[in-house]
Amino acid sequence: MRLLLHQVRSEQLIFWRNRESAVFLFIFPIMLFVLLGSFYDGEIAGYPARDILLAGMIGYGAANTGFAGQAITLVIRREYGILKRLRSTPLPARVYFAAALGSTLIVFTLQTAVLYALGRLFYDTRFPEDVFSVVFLVLFGAVAFMGLGIGLASLIRSAEGASAVVNVVLLPMAFLSGSFGIREYPAFLEATADVLPLKHYIELVIGASLAGEAPWSNLQAVAIVAAWGSAGAILAARRFTWEPRER
């Protein structure tokens, strides 16, 4: 446990000292919410538009922090030989990944709290109807999207291309899934969105935050998100390497 806490602390220090990473992963979803919220009015799907946007930004934050953040970080550390050096230390692989998850969870939890606080302050959005379900979804989202991130990291070959590859996946997924409040698309795009984990995760956040619904009231959405996270973890177990691929 002491080793795990030490590694979590190290991951947090590295994260916050890297200003570019902190801006991209922590501040960017918050900034998007504040900017987009100033344009939104009326209702979406029977709820105030800004409340729907808030739920979408929480979903985007989960994907941005757990999926994009971990994928980019792991590829860069692998190609620069950092993971190889870590592997030669007494630090077990399971502790390293548990610490990475713990750090991701800390960042995403803080981000979610800030989003709710700013939404209430600037746009009079609601606080969660079911706080315990939202807490569970924060943990669930961090785990599931980190699993996807590790899986994608095992496929990306170069540090230089990591950010481009991740954003090519993340931004269309966020747009189609309703992260930015848009929820009506042509049928073929709707069909695409229906298989994406982020859309179902956002639906779970909307249910818990706005309708007071427990996540297990929508087991299909939980299963889809969990299946994607598990698929990423299985892919990582088969393909992930600690050695640089370009050297």
C-alpha atoms as a PDB file:
ATOM      1  CA  MET A   1       0.000   0.000   0.000  1.00  0.00           C
ATOM      2  CA  ARG A   2       2.827   2.388   0.839  1.00  0.00           C
ATOM      3  CA  LEU A   3       4.392   1.724  -2.561  1.00  0.00           C
ATOM      4  CA  LEU A   4       1.071   2.364  -4.297  1.00  0.00           C
ATOM      5  CA  LEU A   5       0.510   5.662  -2.469  1.00  0.00           C
ATOM      6  CA  HIS A   6       4.065   6.745  -3.253  1.00  0.00           C
ATOM      7  CA  GLN A   7       3.533   6.021  -6.955  1.00  0.00           C
ATOM      8  CA  VAL A   8       0.175   7.827  -6.989  1.00  0.00           C
ATOM      9  CA  ARG A   9       1.896  10.852  -5.460  1.00  0.00           C
ATOM     10  CA  SER A  10       4.600  10.659  -8.116  1.00  0.00           C
ATOM     11  CA  GLU A  11       2.013  10.450 -10.907  1.00  0.00           C
ATOM     12  CA  GLN A  12       0.204  13.482  -9.509  1.00  0.00           C
ATOM     13  CA  LEU A  13       3.391  15.524  -9.257  1.00  0.00           C
ATOM     14  CA  ILE A  14       4.292  14.672 -12.847  1.00  0.00           C
ATOM     15  CA  PHE A  15       0.786  15.520 -14.052  1.00  0.00           C
ATOM     16  CA  TRP A  16       0.444  18.935 -12.416  1.00  0.00           C
ATOM     17  CA  ARG A  17       4.017  19.986 -13.214  1.00  0.00           C
ATOM     18  CA  ASN A  18       3.362  19.357 -16.895  1.00  0.00           C
ATOM     19  CA  ARG A  19       1.323  22.463 -17.664  1.00  0.00           C
ATOM     20  CA  GLU A  20       0.452  21.420 -21.206  1.00  0.00           C
ATOM     21  CA  SER A  21      -0.958  18.118 -19.972  1.00  0.00           C
ATOM     22  CA  ALA A  22      -2.880  19.800 -17.160  1.00  0.00           C
ATOM     23  CA  VAL A  23      -4.439  22.292 -19.588  1.00  0.00           C
ATOM     24  CA  PHE A  24      -5.403  19.636 -22.120  1.00  0.00           C
ATOM     25  CA  LEU A  25      -6.749  17.045 -19.700  1.00  0.00           C
ATOM     26  CA  PHE A  26      -8.050  19.041 -16.760  1.00  0.00           C
ATOM     27  CA  ILE A  27      -8.853  22.575 -17.923  1.00  0.00           C
ATOM     28  CA  PHE A  28     -10.011  21.979 -21.507  1.00  0.00           C
ATOM     29  CA  PRO A  29     -13.375  20.290 -20.701  1.00  0.00           C
ATOM     30  CA  ILE A  30     -14.056  22.965 -18.065  1.00  0.00           C
ATOM     31  CA  MET A  31     -13.227  25.733 -20.533  1.00  0.00           C
ATOM     32  CA  LEU A  32     -15.451  24.157 -23.188  1.00  0.00           C
ATOM     33  CA  PHE A  33     -18.348  23.952 -20.747  1.00  0.00           C
ATOM     34  CA  VAL A  34     -18.039  27.604 -19.728  1.00  0.00           C
ATOM     35  CA  LEU A  35     -17.797  28.753 -23.358  1.00  0.00           C
ATOM     36  CA  LEU A  36     -20.536  26.542 -24.808  1.00  0.00           C
ATOM     37  CA  GLY A  37     -22.835  27.136 -21.837  1.00  0.00           C
ATOM     38  CA  SER A  38     -23.009  30.822 -22.711  1.00  0.00           C
ATOM     39  CA  PHE A  39     -24.691  29.888 -26.035  1.00  0.00           C
ATOM     40  CA  TYR A  40     -27.083  27.212 -24.821  1.00  0.00           C
ATOM     41  CA  ASP A  41     -30.670  27.917 -23.833  1.00  0.00           C
ATOM     42  CA  GLY A  42     -34.013  26.148 -23.822  1.00  0.00           C
ATOM     43  CA  GLU A  43     -34.350  22.398 -23.448  1.00  0.00           C
ATOM     44  CA  ILE A  44     -32.756  19.277 -24.866  1.00  0.00           C
ATOM     45  CA  ALA A  45     -34.509  15.916 -24.458  1.00  0.00           C
ATOM     46  CA  GLY A  46     -36.873  17.451 -21.889  1.00  0.00           C
ATOM     47  CA  TYR A  47     -34.121  18.837 -19.646  1.00  0.00           C
ATOM     48  CA  PRO A  48     -32.531  22.286 -19.481  1.00  0.00           C
ATOM     49  CA  ALA A  49     -29.948  22.474 -22.265  1.00  0.00           C
ATOM     50  CA  ARG A  50     -27.133  23.521 -19.940  1.00  0.00           C
ATOM     51  CA  ASP A  51     -27.754  20.543 -17.667  1.00  0.00           C
ATOM     52  CA  ILE A  52     -27.453  18.231 -20.668  1.00  0.00           C
ATOM     53  CA  LEU A  53     -24.283  20.035 -21.728  1.00  0.00           C
ATOM     54  CA  LEU A  54     -22.872  19.601 -18.217  1.00  0.00           C
ATOM     55  CA  ALA A  55     -23.495  15.843 -18.324  1.00  0.00           C
ATOM     56  CA  GLY A  56     -21.891  15.730 -21.774  1.00  0.00           C
ATOM     57  CA  MET A  57     -18.807  17.540 -20.535  1.00  0.00           C
ATOM     58  CA  ILE A  58     -18.484  15.123 -17.620  1.00  0.00           C
ATOM     59  CA  GLY A  59     -18.538  12.289 -20.158  1.00  0.00           C
ATOM     60  CA  TYR A  60     -15.990  14.097 -22.302  1.00  0.00           C
ATOM     61  CA  GLY A  61     -13.838  14.601 -19.211  1.00  0.00           C
ATOM     62  CA  ALA A  62     -13.887  10.857 -18.501  1.00  0.00           C
ATOM     63  CA  ALA A  63     -12.826  10.030 -22.041  1.00  0.00           C
ATOM     64  CA  ASN A  64     -10.304  12.856 -22.223  1.00  0.00           C
ATOM     65  CA  THR A  65      -8.654  11.981 -18.903  1.00  0.00           C
ATOM     66  CA  GLY A  66      -8.867   8.192 -18.864  1.00  0.00           C
ATOM     67  CA  PHE A  67      -8.725   7.368 -22.568  1.00  0.00           C
ATOM     68  CA  ALA A  68      -6.733  10.147 -24.237  1.00  0.00           C
ATOM     69  CA  GLY A  69      -4.528  11.021 -21.296  1.00  0.00           C
ATOM     70  CA  GLN A  70      -3.435   7.490 -20.547  1.00  0.00           C
ATOM     71  CA  ALA A  71      -2.952   6.512 -24.197  1.00  0.00           C
ATOM     72  CA  ILE A  72      -0.713   9.490 -24.953  1.00  0.00           C
ATOM     73  CA  THR A  73       1.220   9.222 -21.688  1.00  0.00           C
ATOM     74  CA  LEU A  74       1.911   5.499 -22.053  1.00  0.00           C
ATOM     75  CA  VAL A  75       3.084   5.781 -25.654  1.00  0.00           C
ATOM     76  CA  ILE A  76       5.427   8.681 -24.852  1.00  0.00           C
ATOM     77  CA  ARG A  77       6.849   6.907 -21.798  1.00  0.00           C
ATOM     78  CA  ARG A  78       7.282   3.691 -23.744  1.00  0.00           C
ATOM     79  CA  GLU A  79       9.036   5.259 -26.718  1.00  0.00           C
ATOM     80  CA  TYR A  80      11.302   7.399 -24.544  1.00  0.00           C
ATOM     81  CA  GLY A  81      12.374   4.312 -22.604  1.00  0.00           C
ATOM     82  CA  ILE A  82      10.744   5.379 -19.330  1.00  0.00           C
ATOM     83  CA  LEU A  83       8.575   2.272 -19.073  1.00  0.00           C
ATOM     84  CA  LYS A  84      11.571   0.068 -19.813  1.00  0.00           C
ATOM     85  CA  ARG A  85      13.478   1.640 -16.940  1.00  0.00           C
ATOM     86  CA  LEU A  86      10.472   1.352 -14.638  1.00  0.00           C
ATOM     87  CA  ARG A  87      10.204  -2.331 -15.508  1.00  0.00           C
ATOM     88  CA  SER A  88      13.743  -2.854 -14.258  1.00  0.00           C
ATOM     89  CA  THR A  89      12.856  -1.462 -10.821  1.00  0.00           C
ATOM     90  CA  PRO A  90      11.090  -3.363  -7.998  1.00  0.00           C
ATOM     91  CA  LEU A  91       7.834  -1.586  -8.908  1.00  0.00           C
ATOM     92  CA  PRO A  92       5.317  -4.300  -9.975  1.00  0.00           C
ATOM     93  CA  ALA A  93       3.367  -3.690 -13.173  1.00  0.00           C
ATOM     94  CA  ARG A  94       0.045  -3.984 -11.326  1.00  0.00           C
ATOM     95  CA  VAL A  95       1.106  -1.263  -8.874  1.00  0.00           C
ATOM     96  CA  TYR A  96       2.151   1.026 -11.717  1.00  0.00           C
ATOM     97  CA  PHE A  97      -1.202   0.689 -13.470  1.00  0.00           C
ATOM     98  CA  ALA A  98      -3.138   0.940 -10.189  1.00  0.00           C
ATOM     99  CA  ALA A  99      -1.286   4.176  -9.429  1.00  0.00           C
ATOM    100  CA  ALA A 100      -2.020   5.482 -12.931  1.00  0.00           C
ATOM    101  CA  LEU A 101      -5.701   4.706 -12.345  1.00  0.00           C
ATOM    102  CA  GLY A 102      -5.582   6.391  -8.936  1.00  0.00           C
ATOM    103  CA  SER A 103      -4.051   9.522 -10.440  1.00  0.00           C
ATOM    104  CA  THR A 104      -6.610   9.534 -13.256  1.00  0.00           C
ATOM    105  CA  LEU A 105      -9.404   9.160 -10.724  1.00  0.00           C
ATOM    106  CA  ILE A 106      -8.127  12.098  -8.666  1.00  0.00           C
ATOM    107  CA  VAL A 107      -7.970  14.355 -11.728  1.00  0.00           C
ATOM    108  CA  PHE A 108     -11.388  13.302 -13.020  1.00  0.00           C
ATOM    109  CA  THR A 109     -13.019  13.660  -9.593  1.00  0.00           C
ATOM    110  CA  LEU A 110     -11.667  17.200  -9.191  1.00  0.00           C
ATOM    111  CA  GLN A 111     -12.728  18.042 -12.719  1.00  0.00           C
ATOM    112  CA  THR A 112     -16.270  16.759 -12.152  1.00  0.00           C
ATOM    113  CA  ALA A 113     -16.590  18.747  -8.917  1.00  0.00           C
ATOM    114  CA  VAL A 114     -15.398  21.915 -10.660  1.00  0.00           C
ATOM    115  CA  LEU A 115     -17.841  21.369 -13.534  1.00  0.00           C
ATOM    116  CA  TYR A 116     -20.777  21.033 -11.155  1.00  0.00           C
ATOM    117  CA  ALA A 117     -19.656  24.070  -9.141  1.00  0.00           C
ATOM    118  CA  LEU A 118     -19.175  26.297 -12.191  1.00  0.00           C
ATOM    119  CA  GLY A 119     -22.440  25.105 -13.710  1.00  0.00           C
ATOM    120  CA  ARG A 120     -24.289  26.071 -10.553  1.00  0.00           C
ATOM    121  CA  LEU A 121     -22.457  29.386 -10.250  1.00  0.00           C
ATOM    122  CA  PHE A 122     -22.758  30.600 -13.831  1.00  0.00           C
ATOM    123  CA  TYR A 123     -25.717  28.751 -15.351  1.00  0.00           C
ATOM    124  CA  ASP A 124     -27.872  27.632 -12.410  1.00  0.00           C
ATOM    125  CA  THR A 125     -27.499  23.969 -13.344  1.00  0.00           C
ATOM    126  CA  ARG A 126     -28.594  21.313 -10.887  1.00  0.00           C
ATOM    127  CA  PHE A 127     -26.471  19.450  -8.426  1.00  0.00           C
ATOM    128  CA  PRO A 128     -26.797  15.649  -8.855  1.00  0.00           C
ATOM    129  CA  GLU A 129     -30.110  14.094  -7.932  1.00  0.00           C
ATOM    130  CA  ASP A 130     -28.298  10.882  -6.959  1.00  0.00           C
ATOM    131  CA  VAL A 131     -24.870  11.788  -5.568  1.00  0.00           C
ATOM    132  CA  PHE A 132     -23.826   8.206  -4.799  1.00  0.00           C
ATOM    133  CA  SER A 133     -24.587   7.099  -8.353  1.00  0.00           C
ATOM    134  CA  VAL A 134     -22.534   9.977  -9.756  1.00  0.00           C
ATOM    135  CA  VAL A 135     -19.630   8.993  -7.474  1.00  0.00           C
ATOM    136  CA  PHE A 136     -19.903   5.430  -8.759  1.00  0.00           C
ATOM    137  CA  LEU A 137     -19.983   6.668 -12.360  1.00  0.00           C
ATOM    138  CA  VAL A 138     -16.850   8.743 -11.830  1.00  0.00           C
ATOM    139  CA  LEU A 139     -15.015   5.600 -10.713  1.00  0.00           C
ATOM    140  CA  PHE A 140     -16.646   3.462 -13.399  1.00  0.00           C
ATOM    141  CA  GLY A 141     -15.801   5.945 -16.146  1.00  0.00           C
ATOM    142  CA  ALA A 142     -12.180   6.279 -15.053  1.00  0.00           C
ATOM    143  CA  VAL A 143     -11.709   2.497 -15.063  1.00  0.00           C
ATOM    144  CA  ALA A 144     -13.521   1.828 -18.349  1.00  0.00           C
ATOM    145  CA  PHE A 145     -11.936   4.608 -20.386  1.00  0.00           C
ATOM    146  CA  MET A 146      -8.485   3.935 -18.964  1.00  0.00           C
ATOM    147  CA  GLY A 147      -8.887   0.344 -20.146  1.00  0.00           C
ATOM    148  CA  LEU A 148      -9.620   1.680 -23.613  1.00  0.00           C
ATOM    149  CA  GLY A 149      -6.671   4.055 -23.398  1.00  0.00           C
ATOM    150  CA  ILE A 150      -4.211   1.299 -22.527  1.00  0.00           C
ATOM    151  CA  GLY A 151      -5.595  -0.794 -25.363  1.00  0.00           C
ATOM    152  CA  LEU A 152      -5.119   2.023 -27.880  1.00  0.00           C
ATOM    153  CA  ALA A 153      -1.614   2.712 -26.537  1.00  0.00           C
ATOM    154  CA  SER A 154      -0.669  -0.865 -27.397  1.00  0.00           C
ATOM    155  CA  LEU A 155      -1.516  -0.153 -31.061  1.00  0.00           C
ATOM    156  CA  ILE A 156       0.166   3.245 -31.503  1.00  0.00           C
ATOM    157  CA  ARG A 157       3.749   2.890 -32.687  1.00  0.00           C
ATOM    158  CA  SER A 158       5.260   6.363 -32.327  1.00  0.00           C
ATOM    159  CA  ALA A 159       5.313   9.064 -29.677  1.00  0.00           C
ATOM    160  CA  GLU A 160       5.056  11.738 -32.369  1.00  0.00           C
ATOM    161  CA  GLY A 161       1.806  10.296 -33.710  1.00  0.00           C
ATOM    162  CA  ALA A 162       0.171   9.528 -30.367  1.00  0.00           C
ATOM    163  CA  SER A 163      -1.712  12.804 -29.937  1.00  0.00           C
ATOM    164  CA  ALA A 164      -2.946  12.801 -33.541  1.00  0.00           C
ATOM    165  CA  VAL A 165      -4.210   9.213 -33.397  1.00  0.00           C
ATOM    166  CA  VAL A 166      -5.936   9.724 -30.054  1.00  0.00           C
ATOM    167  CA  ASN A 167      -7.703  12.902 -31.135  1.00  0.00           C
ATOM    168  CA  VAL A 168      -8.841  11.331 -34.401  1.00  0.00           C
ATOM    169  CA  VAL A 169     -10.673   8.797 -32.235  1.00  0.00           C
ATOM    170  CA  LEU A 170     -11.718  11.018 -29.309  1.00  0.00           C
ATOM    171  CA  LEU A 171     -13.167  14.086 -31.014  1.00  0.00           C
ATOM    172  CA  PRO A 172     -15.550  12.310 -33.438  1.00  0.00           C
ATOM    173  CA  MET A 173     -16.634   9.997 -30.617  1.00  0.00           C
ATOM    174  CA  ALA A 174     -17.315  12.979 -28.335  1.00  0.00           C
ATOM    175  CA  PHE A 175     -19.235  14.813 -31.071  1.00  0.00           C
ATOM    176  CA  LEU A 176     -21.403  11.823 -32.008  1.00  0.00           C
ATOM    177  CA  SER A 177     -22.007  10.856 -28.379  1.00  0.00           C
ATOM    178  CA  GLY A 178     -23.525  14.193 -27.394  1.00  0.00           C
ATOM    179  CA  SER A 179     -20.665  15.584 -25.317  1.00  0.00           C
ATOM    180  CA  PHE A 180     -21.286  19.026 -26.807  1.00  0.00           C
ATOM    181  CA  GLY A 181     -25.044  18.945 -26.315  1.00  0.00           C
ATOM    182  CA  ILE A 182     -25.992  18.000 -29.877  1.00  0.00           C
ATOM    183  CA  ARG A 183     -28.186  14.921 -29.755  1.00  0.00           C
ATOM    184  CA  GLU A 184     -29.947  14.651 -33.118  1.00  0.00           C
ATOM    185  CA  TYR A 185     -28.120  13.178 -36.117  1.00  0.00           C
ATOM    186  CA  PRO A 186     -28.948  11.436 -39.396  1.00  0.00           C
ATOM    187  CA  ALA A 187     -29.832   7.774 -38.965  1.00  0.00           C
ATOM    188  CA  PHE A 188     -26.450   6.396 -40.058  1.00  0.00           C
ATOM    189  CA  LEU A 189     -24.644   8.604 -37.538  1.00  0.00           C
ATOM    190  CA  GLU A 190     -27.121   7.632 -34.833  1.00  0.00           C
ATOM    191  CA  ALA A 191     -26.368   3.985 -35.567  1.00  0.00           C
ATOM    192  CA  THR A 192     -22.649   4.685 -35.244  1.00  0.00           C
ATOM    193  CA  ALA A 193     -23.125   6.547 -31.966  1.00  0.00           C
ATOM    194  CA  ASP A 194     -25.182   3.690 -30.537  1.00  0.00           C
ATOM    195  CA  VAL A 195     -22.162   1.402 -30.456  1.00  0.00           C
ATOM    196  CA  LEU A 196     -19.826   3.951 -28.872  1.00  0.00           C
ATOM    197  CA  PRO A 197     -19.188   3.706 -25.116  1.00  0.00           C
ATOM    198  CA  LEU A 198     -19.188   7.450 -24.537  1.00  0.00           C
ATOM    199  CA  LYS A 199     -22.801   7.895 -25.635  1.00  0.00           C
ATOM    200  CA  HIS A 200     -23.983   5.293 -23.142  1.00  0.00           C
ATOM    201  CA  TYR A 201     -21.770   6.683 -20.401  1.00  0.00           C
ATOM    202  CA  ILE A 202     -23.280  10.136 -20.905  1.00  0.00           C
ATOM    203  CA  GLU A 203     -26.758   8.609 -20.743  1.00  0.00           C
ATOM    204  CA  LEU A 204     -25.836   7.091 -17.384  1.00  0.00           C
ATOM    205  CA  VAL A 205     -24.591  10.475 -16.134  1.00  0.00           C
ATOM    206  CA  ILE A 206     -27.779  12.173 -17.311  1.00  0.00           C
ATOM    207  CA  GLY A 207     -29.882   9.560 -15.559  1.00  0.00           C
ATOM    208  CA  ALA A 208     -28.012   9.859 -12.253  1.00  0.00           C
ATOM    209  CA  SER A 209     -27.554  13.619 -12.318  1.00  0.00           C
ATOM    210  CA  LEU A 210     -30.912  14.782 -13.664  1.00  0.00           C
ATOM    211  CA  ALA A 211     -33.379  11.959 -13.023  1.00  0.00           C
ATOM    212  CA  GLY A 212     -31.981  10.390  -9.857  1.00  0.00           C
ATOM    213  CA  GLU A 213     -31.636   7.024 -11.608  1.00  0.00           C
ATOM    214  CA  ALA A 214     -29.154   4.451 -10.342  1.00  0.00           C
ATOM    215  CA  PRO A 215     -26.728   3.123 -12.984  1.00  0.00           C
ATOM    216  CA  TRP A 216     -28.126  -0.402 -12.660  1.00  0.00           C
ATOM    217  CA  SER A 217     -31.479   0.875 -13.883  1.00  0.00           C
ATOM    218  CA  ASN A 218     -29.830   0.999 -17.313  1.00  0.00           C
ATOM    219  CA  LEU A 219     -27.871  -2.234 -17.361  1.00  0.00           C
ATOM    220  CA  GLN A 220     -27.532  -2.184 -21.140  1.00  0.00           C
ATOM    221  CA  ALA A 221     -25.566   1.069 -21.014  1.00  0.00           C
ATOM    222  CA  VAL A 222     -23.412  -0.218 -18.149  1.00  0.00           C
ATOM    223  CA  ALA A 223     -22.707  -3.421 -20.076  1.00  0.00           C
ATOM    224  CA  ILE A 224     -21.702  -1.574 -23.259  1.00  0.00           C
ATOM    225  CA  VAL A 225     -19.291   0.749 -21.446  1.00  0.00           C
ATOM    226  CA  ALA A 226     -17.849  -2.149 -19.443  1.00  0.00           C
ATOM    227  CA  ALA A 227     -17.486  -4.263 -22.585  1.00  0.00           C
ATOM    228  CA  TRP A 228     -15.467  -1.566 -24.350  1.00  0.00           C
ATOM    229  CA  GLY A 229     -13.246  -1.078 -21.305  1.00  0.00           C
ATOM    230  CA  SER A 230     -12.740  -4.827 -20.988  1.00  0.00           C
ATOM    231  CA  ALA A 231     -11.949  -5.129 -24.693  1.00  0.00           C
ATOM    232  CA  GLY A 232      -9.272  -2.466 -24.335  1.00  0.00           C
ATOM    233  CA  ALA A 233      -7.778  -4.217 -21.310  1.00  0.00           C
ATOM    234  CA  ILE A 234      -7.759  -7.585 -23.117  1.00  0.00           C
ATOM    235  CA  LEU A 235      -6.081  -6.014 -26.147  1.00  0.00           C
ATOM    236  CA  ALA A 236      -3.473  -4.445 -23.862  1.00  0.00           C
ATOM    237  CA  ALA A 237      -2.827  -7.787 -22.168  1.00  0.00           C
ATOM    238  CA  ARG A 238      -2.060  -9.289 -25.577  1.00  0.00           C
ATOM    239  CA  ARG A 239      -0.256  -6.421 -27.294  1.00  0.00           C
ATOM    240  CA  PHE A 240       1.121  -4.000 -24.693  1.00  0.00           C
ATOM    241  CA  THR A 241       4.885  -3.824 -24.422  1.00  0.00           C
ATOM    242  CA  TRP A 242       7.235  -1.952 -22.091  1.00  0.00           C
ATOM    243  CA  GLU A 243       9.941  -1.761 -24.761  1.00  0.00           C
ATOM    244  CA  PRO A 244      10.234   1.081 -27.298  1.00  0.00           C
ATOM    245  CA  ARG A 245       9.027   0.063 -30.747  1.00  0.00           C
ATOM    246  CA  GLU A 246      10.985   2.594 -32.790  1.00  0.00           C
ATOM    247  CA  ARG A 247      14.429   1.931 -31.352  1.00  0.00           C
END
